[in-house]
Protein backbone atom coordinates (compact mmCIF):
# COMPACT_ATOMS: atom_id res chain seq x y z
CA MET A 1 13.27 -36.49 40.13
CA LYS A 2 16.26 -34.26 40.92
CA VAL A 3 17.45 -33.79 44.49
CA TYR A 4 19.32 -30.74 45.76
CA TYR A 5 21.18 -30.27 49.02
CA VAL A 6 22.04 -27.23 51.09
CA TYR A 7 24.83 -28.06 53.49
CA ILE A 8 27.02 -26.59 56.21
CA LEU A 9 30.66 -27.54 56.69
CA ALA A 10 32.78 -26.59 59.69
CA SER A 11 36.50 -26.49 60.35
CA LYS A 12 35.86 -27.75 63.92
CA LYS A 13 33.20 -27.38 66.61
CA ASN A 14 32.29 -23.67 66.71
CA GLY A 15 34.91 -23.06 64.01
CA THR A 16 34.70 -21.46 60.58
CA LEU A 17 31.49 -22.30 58.69
CA TYR A 18 30.80 -22.73 54.99
CA ILE A 19 27.34 -22.99 53.42
CA GLY A 20 26.97 -24.56 50.01
CA LEU A 21 24.50 -26.03 47.51
CA THR A 22 24.84 -29.12 45.31
CA ASN A 23 22.88 -31.76 43.45
CA ASN A 24 25.35 -34.49 44.46
CA LEU A 25 26.20 -34.27 48.15
CA GLU A 26 28.46 -37.33 48.24
CA ARG A 27 30.66 -36.04 45.38
CA ARG A 28 30.76 -32.49 46.73
CA ILE A 29 31.74 -33.55 50.26
CA TYR A 30 34.44 -35.81 48.79
CA GLU A 31 35.82 -32.79 46.92
CA HIS A 32 35.89 -30.70 50.12
CA LYS A 33 37.45 -33.46 52.26
CA ASN A 34 40.19 -34.08 49.70
CA SER A 35 40.94 -30.36 49.13
CA LEU A 36 39.93 -30.59 45.47
CA VAL A 37 37.98 -27.34 45.73
CA GLU A 38 39.99 -24.14 45.33
CA GLY A 39 39.27 -21.24 47.64
CA PHE A 40 37.67 -20.71 51.01
CA THR A 41 37.18 -24.28 52.19
CA ARG A 42 40.70 -25.34 51.25
CA ARG A 43 42.27 -22.19 52.73
CA TYR A 44 40.51 -22.60 56.09
CA LYS A 45 40.55 -26.45 56.16
CA ILE A 46 36.77 -26.69 56.31
CA LYS A 47 35.96 -30.39 55.86
CA THR A 48 33.40 -31.53 58.45
CA LEU A 49 29.80 -31.94 57.26
CA VAL A 50 27.75 -30.81 60.26
CA TYR A 51 24.33 -30.13 58.67
CA PHE A 52 22.40 -30.65 55.46
CA GLU A 53 18.90 -30.34 54.05
CA GLN A 54 17.38 -31.91 50.95
CA THR A 55 14.77 -30.61 48.51
CA ASN A 56 13.46 -31.46 45.04
CA SER A 57 13.35 -27.83 43.91
CA ILE A 58 16.41 -25.91 42.77
CA GLN A 59 14.56 -22.67 43.51
CA ASP A 60 13.88 -23.79 47.09
CA ALA A 61 17.51 -24.87 47.50
CA ILE A 62 18.83 -21.53 46.25
CA SER A 63 16.40 -19.64 48.46
CA ARG A 64 17.34 -21.72 51.52
CA GLU A 65 21.07 -21.29 50.87
CA LYS A 66 20.62 -17.51 50.73
CA GLN A 67 18.50 -17.60 53.88
CA LEU A 68 21.12 -19.60 55.79
CA LYS A 69 23.95 -17.36 54.61
CA GLY A 70 21.97 -14.34 55.85
CA LEU A 71 21.51 -15.69 59.37
CA LEU A 72 23.51 -14.42 62.28
CA ARG A 73 26.23 -16.84 63.33
CA ARG A 74 24.37 -17.67 66.56
CA LYS A 75 21.33 -18.82 64.53
CA LYS A 76 23.56 -21.00 62.32
CA VAL A 77 25.14 -22.59 65.41
CA ASP A 78 21.68 -23.15 66.92
CA LEU A 79 20.54 -24.84 63.71
CA ILE A 80 23.57 -27.14 63.68
CA GLU A 81 23.33 -27.98 67.37
CA GLY A 82 19.59 -28.63 67.09
CA HIS A 83 20.30 -31.47 64.67
CA ASN A 84 23.91 -32.38 65.49
CA PRO A 85 24.73 -31.26 69.06
CA ASN A 86 28.23 -32.81 69.03
CA TRP A 87 29.17 -31.39 65.63
CA GLU A 88 29.90 -34.90 64.35
CA ASP A 89 30.98 -35.43 60.76
CA LEU A 90 27.75 -36.62 59.14
CA GLU A 91 27.59 -39.58 56.78
CA VAL A 92 26.28 -39.07 53.25
């Protein structure tokens, strides 16, 4: 059974946020942490995994990613702090 992840990275506590989707969280976070990904995360040094969710449905993952991206910043921060109040870099 396939597993999909929706995740949030941060540049620092209350810093710039990035929301992404992957089917291999360990590989994807490695790519972000080692600046192997061109674009936004490299430009703004966004490397700290502060939140993630897992699902077995790609449709649910895509829907959740869109939902999270559409939230106001305050709601995103509340979501992170509800699960990771110290904005620690989560293990995968």
